[in-house]
Amino acid sequence: MVNSIKDVDNFENVVDEVFGSAVETLKDLVRIPSISNVKSEENAKNVQKSAEFVLKTFEAEGIKGRIASAPKEGAYAGEEGNPAIIGFKGAGKNGELDPNKPTVLLYSHHDVQPVQNPEKWIHNKDAFEPVVLEAKDGLRMFGRGAADDGAGLAAHVGVLRLYKALGKDLPVNLKIYFEGEEEAGSPSFANFIEKYQDELKADVIIVADSDNWTPEIPAITSTLRGVCTIELELAVLDHSIHSGTASGPIIDANALMMKTISSIWGDDGQIVVEGLLGAKGSPVEDPKVDIDEKQFRIDNGILDGVELVGEGSITGRVWNKPSVTVIGF
């Protein structure tokens, strides 16, 4: 046991050991194909399996937890939500919640996206068999869900293991909430928060599901743009007709929909929706830091000849100004 965090040499050794254990835990999680947004009996079993794995992992670190769920909403109304894990480890002498200390809620999710075009995976023949390789900026793990959001779970459990290895008591009360349907749009999220609000109540929430500034420089995201999903249906005729007999006076629904969608952007590519904060004519302040355009293009695989749109800093366009994405037609 390390008696003081100032024992730097030993501290670094302990961190290395804990990091190694967190990597192994992450590998085990990646091996569970917990696909949440494609309904099947097998996927449901795997999401349940990953929930049980997460619960067992955190119980080993002193978390008193359980698997819970709530009813879904919207298009999934009538279905029970996917299994989530909630639990706590207090800062009290026996692990109870200490009312005199702040409470921190740790969030992550244990479900993943399906694997598309598995033949295009370079390092893995099986996307659910993790591969760790040396890269120019350190070790990289390749596997479905390794980053999103298994890495968040590994970071949370790593901190608990580090405190244990150092023989240190937690300075705050900890609560956890790891959902199992984030990749499916979290259809039971609102009901879950309502149902378990007393168990989830905290002073601070840490969501380990966002980006670092670079692989070498960590970052804390304190605010996010909101998100709104709209399904738009457009009808022109009450029955199908042959385009050769009527087109000209009538613009078909597909073309009208394209015109409607394209009206969201001006000729310079800026959002022009009236009243939308950050849209053209409604300026917002740019962030104090910016991303190098060359690096931004590399990171996002932007093809040669494709121009960026909008005005101001890249970070401002990514963080502060609105974005509209057409995800289906």
Protein backbone atom coordinates (compact mmCIF):
# COMPACT_ATOMS: atom_id res chain seq x y z
CA MET A 1 0.00 0.00 0.00
CA VAL A 2 1.18 3.54 -0.75
CA ASN A 3 1.01 5.76 2.33
CA SER A 4 1.09 9.04 0.45
CA ILE A 5 0.16 10.16 -3.03
CA LYS A 6 3.40 12.17 -2.93
CA ASP A 7 5.37 8.93 -3.11
CA VAL A 8 5.74 9.61 -6.84
CA ASP A 9 7.79 6.60 -7.91
CA ASN A 10 5.54 4.13 -6.21
CA PHE A 11 2.47 6.08 -7.27
CA GLU A 12 3.43 5.77 -10.92
CA ASN A 13 3.96 2.04 -10.50
CA VAL A 14 0.53 1.67 -8.93
CA VAL A 15 -1.04 3.74 -11.72
CA ASP A 16 0.61 1.50 -14.32
CA GLU A 17 -0.69 -1.61 -12.57
CA VAL A 18 -4.22 -0.21 -12.26
CA PHE A 19 -4.15 0.95 -15.88
CA GLY A 20 -3.22 -2.57 -16.97
CA SER A 21 -6.11 -4.05 -15.01
CA ALA A 22 -8.53 -1.49 -16.49
CA VAL A 23 -7.37 -2.43 -20.01
CA GLU A 24 -8.06 -6.11 -19.29
CA THR A 25 -11.53 -5.23 -17.97
CA LEU A 26 -12.16 -3.21 -21.13
CA LYS A 27 -11.12 -6.18 -23.28
CA ASP A 28 -13.60 -8.42 -21.46
CA LEU A 29 -16.38 -5.89 -22.01
CA VAL A 30 -15.58 -5.51 -25.72
CA ARG A 31 -15.92 -9.28 -26.11
CA ILE A 32 -19.64 -9.00 -25.26
CA PRO A 33 -21.56 -7.99 -28.44
CA SER A 34 -24.10 -5.85 -26.59
CA ILE A 35 -25.86 -4.43 -29.66
CA SER A 36 -28.89 -2.44 -28.55
CA ASN A 37 -30.40 -0.88 -31.67
CA VAL A 38 -31.09 -4.07 -33.65
CA LYS A 39 -33.87 -6.10 -32.07
CA SER A 40 -33.22 -9.81 -31.72
CA GLU A 41 -33.34 -12.38 -28.96
CA GLU A 42 -29.58 -12.87 -29.18
CA ASN A 43 -28.84 -9.13 -28.91
CA ALA A 44 -31.17 -8.82 -25.91
CA LYS A 45 -29.33 -11.66 -24.18
CA ASN A 46 -25.97 -10.02 -24.86
CA VAL A 47 -27.12 -6.63 -23.54
CA GLN A 48 -28.27 -8.42 -20.39
CA LYS A 49 -24.91 -10.21 -20.23
CA SER A 50 -22.98 -6.93 -20.49
CA ALA A 51 -25.15 -5.40 -17.76
CA GLU A 52 -24.36 -8.33 -15.47
CA PHE A 53 -20.65 -7.97 -16.30
CA VAL A 54 -20.68 -4.26 -15.41
CA LEU A 55 -22.52 -4.90 -12.17
CA LYS A 56 -20.11 -7.65 -11.14
CA THR A 57 -17.11 -5.47 -12.05
CA PHE A 58 -18.22 -2.60 -9.84
CA GLU A 59 -19.41 -4.79 -6.99
CA ALA A 60 -15.83 -6.07 -6.80
CA GLU A 61 -14.78 -2.46 -6.12
CA GLY A 62 -17.24 -1.97 -3.27
CA ILE A 63 -20.18 -0.55 -5.20
CA LYS A 64 -23.57 -1.64 -3.85
CA GLY A 65 -25.51 -1.91 -7.09
CA ARG A 66 -28.31 -3.57 -8.99
CA ILE A 67 -29.75 -3.92 -12.47
CA ALA A 68 -32.82 -1.77 -13.12
CA SER A 69 -35.06 -0.67 -15.98
CA ALA A 70 -37.99 1.57 -16.85
CA PRO A 71 -40.63 1.65 -19.63
CA LYS A 72 -39.65 3.04 -23.03
CA GLU A 73 -41.31 6.00 -24.74
CA GLY A 74 -42.12 7.11 -28.28
CA ALA A 75 -42.02 4.50 -31.00
CA TYR A 76 -40.99 1.90 -28.39
CA ALA A 77 -43.86 2.66 -25.98
CA GLY A 78 -45.12 -0.48 -24.28
CA GLU A 79 -41.67 -2.10 -24.13
CA GLU A 80 -39.50 -2.32 -21.05
CA GLY A 81 -36.17 -0.51 -21.31
CA ASN A 82 -32.84 -2.26 -21.60
CA PRO A 83 -31.03 -3.20 -18.37
CA ALA A 84 -29.09 -0.41 -16.67
CA ILE A 85 -26.86 -0.50 -13.61
CA ILE A 86 -27.28 1.85 -10.67
CA GLY A 87 -25.41 1.79 -7.41
CA PHE A 88 -23.41 3.72 -4.86
CA LYS A 89 -20.33 3.73 -2.66
CA GLY A 90 -20.48 6.30 0.09
CA ALA A 91 -17.64 8.20 1.70
CA GLY A 92 -18.74 7.01 5.14
CA LYS A 93 -16.66 4.65 7.25
CA ASN A 94 -18.71 1.61 6.23
CA GLY A 95 -19.45 2.70 2.68
CA GLU A 96 -22.63 4.55 3.57
CA LEU A 97 -23.48 7.92 2.00
CA ASP A 98 -21.97 10.78 3.99
CA PRO A 99 -24.43 13.73 4.01
CA ASN A 100 -21.57 16.12 4.78
CA LYS A 101 -19.73 15.31 1.55
CA PRO A 102 -20.71 16.01 -2.08
CA THR A 103 -22.11 13.24 -4.24
CA VAL A 104 -20.77 12.52 -7.72
CA LEU A 105 -22.76 10.47 -10.24
CA LEU A 106 -20.66 8.58 -12.81
CA TYR A 107 -22.38 7.92 -16.15
CA SER A 108 -21.46 5.61 -19.00
CA HIS A 109 -23.27 3.11 -21.23
CA HIS A 110 -22.53 -0.54 -21.87
CA ASP A 111 -24.35 -1.03 -25.19
CA VAL A 112 -22.71 -0.70 -28.62
CA GLN A 113 -23.48 -0.13 -32.29
CA PRO A 114 -23.74 -3.08 -34.71
CA VAL A 115 -20.79 -3.93 -36.93
CA GLN A 116 -21.23 -2.86 -40.54
CA ASN A 117 -18.91 -4.10 -43.28
CA PRO A 118 -16.86 -6.37 -40.98
CA GLU A 119 -14.62 -7.26 -43.94
CA LYS A 120 -13.29 -3.68 -43.86
CA TRP A 121 -11.97 -3.95 -40.32
CA ILE A 122 -8.20 -3.75 -40.68
CA HIS A 123 -6.91 -5.07 -37.35
CA ASN A 124 -9.70 -7.40 -36.24
CA LYS A 125 -11.18 -10.37 -38.06
CA ASP A 126 -13.80 -10.23 -35.32
CA ALA A 127 -14.82 -6.73 -34.21
CA PHE A 128 -15.65 -8.10 -30.77
CA GLU A 129 -12.17 -9.52 -30.21
CA PRO A 130 -10.09 -6.56 -28.97
CA VAL A 131 -6.65 -5.90 -30.43
CA VAL A 132 -4.13 -3.60 -28.73
CA LEU A 133 -1.44 -2.09 -30.96
CA GLU A 134 1.39 0.38 -30.49
CA ALA A 135 0.69 3.71 -32.22
CA LYS A 136 2.75 6.89 -32.51
CA ASP A 137 0.81 8.44 -29.64
CA GLY A 138 0.72 5.34 -27.40
CA LEU A 139 -1.33 2.17 -27.20
CA ARG A 140 -4.55 1.90 -29.17
CA MET A 141 -7.30 -0.66 -28.66
CA PHE A 142 -9.39 -1.68 -31.66
CA GLY A 143 -12.76 -3.33 -31.07
CA ARG A 144 -16.44 -2.45 -31.22
CA GLY A 145 -17.32 -0.25 -28.24
CA ALA A 146 -13.73 0.06 -27.00
CA ALA A 147 -13.97 3.84 -27.15
CA ASP A 148 -17.74 4.37 -27.12
CA ASP A 149 -18.31 3.76 -24.34
CA GLY A 150 -16.28 0.98 -22.83
CA ALA A 151 -13.47 3.44 -22.26
CA GLY A 152 -15.76 5.45 -20.01
CA LEU A 153 -16.50 2.41 -17.89
CA ALA A 154 -12.79 1.52 -17.75
CA ALA A 155 -11.93 5.06 -16.58
CA HIS A 156 -14.53 4.95 -13.82
CA VAL A 157 -13.54 1.54 -12.51
CA GLY A 158 -9.87 2.49 -12.84
CA VAL A 159 -10.31 5.40 -10.42
CA LEU A 160 -11.98 3.15 -7.87
CA ARG A 161 -9.16 0.63 -8.18
CA LEU A 162 -6.56 3.36 -7.84
CA TYR A 163 -8.04 4.60 -4.57
CA LYS A 164 -8.16 1.03 -3.28
CA ALA A 165 -4.55 0.35 -4.33
CA LEU A 166 -3.40 3.56 -2.65
CA GLY A 167 -5.27 2.69 0.54
CA LYS A 168 -7.20 5.94 0.29
CA ASP A 169 -10.79 6.63 1.27
CA LEU A 170 -13.07 8.24 -1.28
CA PRO A 171 -13.26 12.01 -0.73
CA VAL A 172 -16.84 12.07 -2.08
CA ASN A 173 -19.91 9.87 -2.27
CA LEU A 174 -20.05 7.99 -5.56
CA LYS A 175 -23.09 6.86 -7.49
CA ILE A 176 -23.11 5.07 -10.85
CA TYR A 177 -25.56 4.91 -13.73
CA PHE A 178 -24.61 2.81 -16.76
CA GLU A 179 -27.44 2.55 -19.27
CA GLY A 180 -27.91 -0.13 -21.90
CA GLU A 181 -29.66 1.69 -24.76
CA GLU A 182 -27.71 4.89 -25.46
CA GLU A 183 -26.90 3.68 -28.97
CA ALA A 184 -30.62 3.17 -29.57
CA GLY A 185 -31.56 6.72 -28.56
CA SER A 186 -32.19 6.05 -24.85
CA PRO A 187 -35.98 5.58 -25.23
CA SER A 188 -36.44 4.82 -21.51
CA PHE A 189 -34.03 7.49 -20.24
CA ALA A 190 -36.61 10.08 -19.13
CA ASN A 191 -38.76 7.48 -17.39
CA PHE A 192 -35.67 5.94 -15.78
CA ILE A 193 -34.54 9.28 -14.33
CA GLU A 194 -38.05 9.90 -13.02
CA LYS A 195 -38.41 6.41 -11.54
CA TYR A 196 -35.01 6.29 -9.82
CA GLN A 197 -34.47 9.99 -9.12
CA ASP A 198 -33.82 9.48 -5.41
CA GLU A 199 -31.12 6.89 -6.08
CA LEU A 200 -29.52 9.02 -8.81
CA LYS A 201 -29.63 12.36 -7.00
CA ALA A 202 -26.17 13.96 -6.99
CA ASP A 203 -24.35 17.28 -6.81
CA VAL A 204 -22.24 16.64 -9.92
CA ILE A 205 -22.59 14.29 -12.89
CA ILE A 206 -19.53 13.10 -14.81
CA VAL A 207 -20.42 11.73 -18.24
CA ALA A 208 -17.51 9.71 -19.63
CA ASP A 209 -18.77 9.77 -23.20
CA SER A 210 -17.13 12.78 -24.85
CA ASP A 211 -13.89 13.68 -26.59
CA ASN A 212 -10.45 14.68 -25.40
CA TRP A 213 -8.79 17.66 -27.04
CA THR A 214 -6.01 15.39 -28.37
CA PRO A 215 -4.69 11.95 -27.38
CA GLU A 216 -2.10 13.75 -25.22
CA ILE A 217 -4.33 16.50 -23.79
CA PRO A 218 -7.43 15.62 -21.77
CA ALA A 219 -10.52 17.82 -21.77
CA ILE A 220 -13.68 18.38 -19.77
CA THR A 221 -16.84 19.18 -21.71
CA SER A 222 -19.06 21.39 -19.55
CA THR A 223 -21.89 22.16 -22.00
CA LEU A 224 -23.36 20.59 -25.11
CA ARG A 225 -25.69 21.74 -27.86
CA GLY A 226 -29.19 20.36 -27.49
CA VAL A 227 -30.59 17.84 -29.93
CA CYS A 228 -33.97 17.62 -31.61
CA THR A 229 -35.12 14.86 -33.96
CA ILE A 230 -37.82 15.64 -36.54
CA GLU A 231 -39.60 13.24 -38.87
CA LEU A 232 -41.19 15.15 -41.75
CA GLU A 233 -43.78 13.70 -44.15
CA LEU A 234 -44.76 15.56 -47.30
CA ALA A 235 -47.68 14.63 -49.56
CA VAL A 236 -48.61 16.14 -52.95
CA LEU A 237 -51.19 13.77 -54.48
CA ASP A 238 -53.82 11.45 -53.10
CA HIS A 239 -52.69 8.65 -55.44
CA SER A 240 -49.76 7.75 -57.69
CA ILE A 241 -49.69 9.10 -61.26
CA HIS A 242 -47.44 8.65 -64.28
CA SER A 243 -44.89 11.45 -64.49
CA GLY A 244 -45.33 11.63 -68.25
CA THR A 245 -48.95 12.72 -67.92
CA ALA A 246 -48.73 15.35 -65.20
CA SER A 247 -45.17 16.47 -64.44
CA GLY A 248 -44.52 20.11 -65.25
CA PRO A 249 -47.35 21.78 -63.37
CA ILE A 250 -46.68 19.43 -60.42
CA ILE A 251 -43.42 19.10 -58.55
CA ASP A 252 -43.14 15.62 -57.06
CA ALA A 253 -42.84 15.08 -53.32
CA ASN A 254 -39.17 14.04 -53.48
CA ALA A 255 -38.17 17.26 -55.24
CA LEU A 256 -40.27 19.39 -52.90
CA MET A 257 -38.71 17.70 -49.89
CA MET A 258 -35.23 18.40 -51.26
CA LYS A 259 -36.14 22.08 -51.77
CA THR A 260 -37.53 22.26 -48.23
CA ILE A 261 -34.44 20.67 -46.69
CA SER A 262 -32.01 22.77 -48.75
CA SER A 263 -33.70 25.96 -47.54
CA ILE A 264 -32.14 25.33 -44.12
CA TRP A 265 -28.75 26.49 -45.47
CA GLY A 266 -27.73 29.67 -47.24
CA ASP A 267 -25.49 29.67 -50.31
CA ASP A 268 -22.43 29.88 -48.04
CA GLY A 269 -23.48 26.79 -46.10
CA GLN A 270 -24.55 28.58 -42.95
CA ILE A 271 -27.75 27.67 -41.14
CA VAL A 272 -30.37 30.34 -41.86
CA VAL A 273 -33.28 29.12 -39.71
CA GLU A 274 -34.75 32.26 -38.21
CA GLY A 275 -34.59 32.51 -34.43
CA LEU A 276 -32.10 29.64 -34.03
CA LEU A 277 -29.26 30.77 -31.76
CA GLY A 278 -26.01 30.83 -33.69
CA ALA A 279 -27.72 30.80 -37.09
CA LYS A 280 -26.84 33.46 -39.66
CA GLY A 281 -27.99 36.81 -38.33
CA SER A 282 -27.97 35.54 -34.74
CA PRO A 283 -24.26 35.45 -33.86
CA VAL A 284 -22.68 33.70 -30.89
CA GLU A 285 -19.20 34.17 -29.45
CA ASP A 286 -16.44 31.89 -30.72
CA PRO A 287 -14.59 29.70 -28.18
CA LYS A 288 -11.14 30.85 -27.05
CA VAL A 289 -9.45 27.78 -28.55
CA ASP A 290 -9.54 26.51 -32.10
CA ILE A 291 -8.68 23.41 -34.11
CA ASP A 292 -6.13 23.47 -36.90
CA GLU A 293 -8.05 23.00 -40.16
CA LYS A 294 -5.50 20.58 -41.59
CA GLN A 295 -5.74 18.36 -38.52
CA PHE A 296 -9.53 18.66 -38.51
CA ARG A 297 -9.67 17.44 -42.10
CA ILE A 298 -7.36 14.51 -41.33
CA ASP A 299 -9.25 13.52 -38.18
CA ASN A 300 -12.59 13.48 -39.99
CA GLY A 301 -11.46 11.99 -43.31
CA ILE A 302 -12.55 14.99 -45.38
CA LEU A 303 -11.79 14.36 -49.05
CA ASP A 304 -9.63 16.66 -51.15
CA GLY A 305 -11.73 19.35 -52.84
CA VAL A 306 -14.42 19.35 -50.16
CA GLU A 307 -14.68 22.82 -48.64
CA LEU A 308 -15.70 23.58 -45.06
CA VAL A 309 -18.80 25.76 -44.73
CA GLY A 310 -19.82 28.49 -42.32
CA GLU A 311 -17.94 31.34 -40.71
CA GLY A 312 -15.81 31.79 -37.63
CA SER A 313 -13.60 29.30 -35.85
CA ILE A 314 -13.96 25.58 -36.47
CA THR A 315 -14.60 25.00 -32.76
CA GLY A 316 -17.32 27.63 -32.89
CA ARG A 317 -19.00 25.84 -35.78
CA VAL A 318 -18.68 22.47 -34.02
CA TRP A 319 -19.61 23.60 -30.49
CA ASN A 320 -21.55 26.88 -30.42
CA LYS A 321 -23.46 27.09 -33.67
CA PRO A 322 -26.36 24.91 -34.82
CA SER A 323 -25.94 21.90 -37.07
CA VAL A 324 -28.62 20.11 -39.08
CA THR A 325 -28.03 16.58 -40.33
CA VAL A 326 -30.29 14.65 -42.70
CA ILE A 327 -29.92 11.05 -41.48
CA GLY A 328 -32.61 9.42 -43.59
CA PHE A 329 -34.73 10.09 -46.65
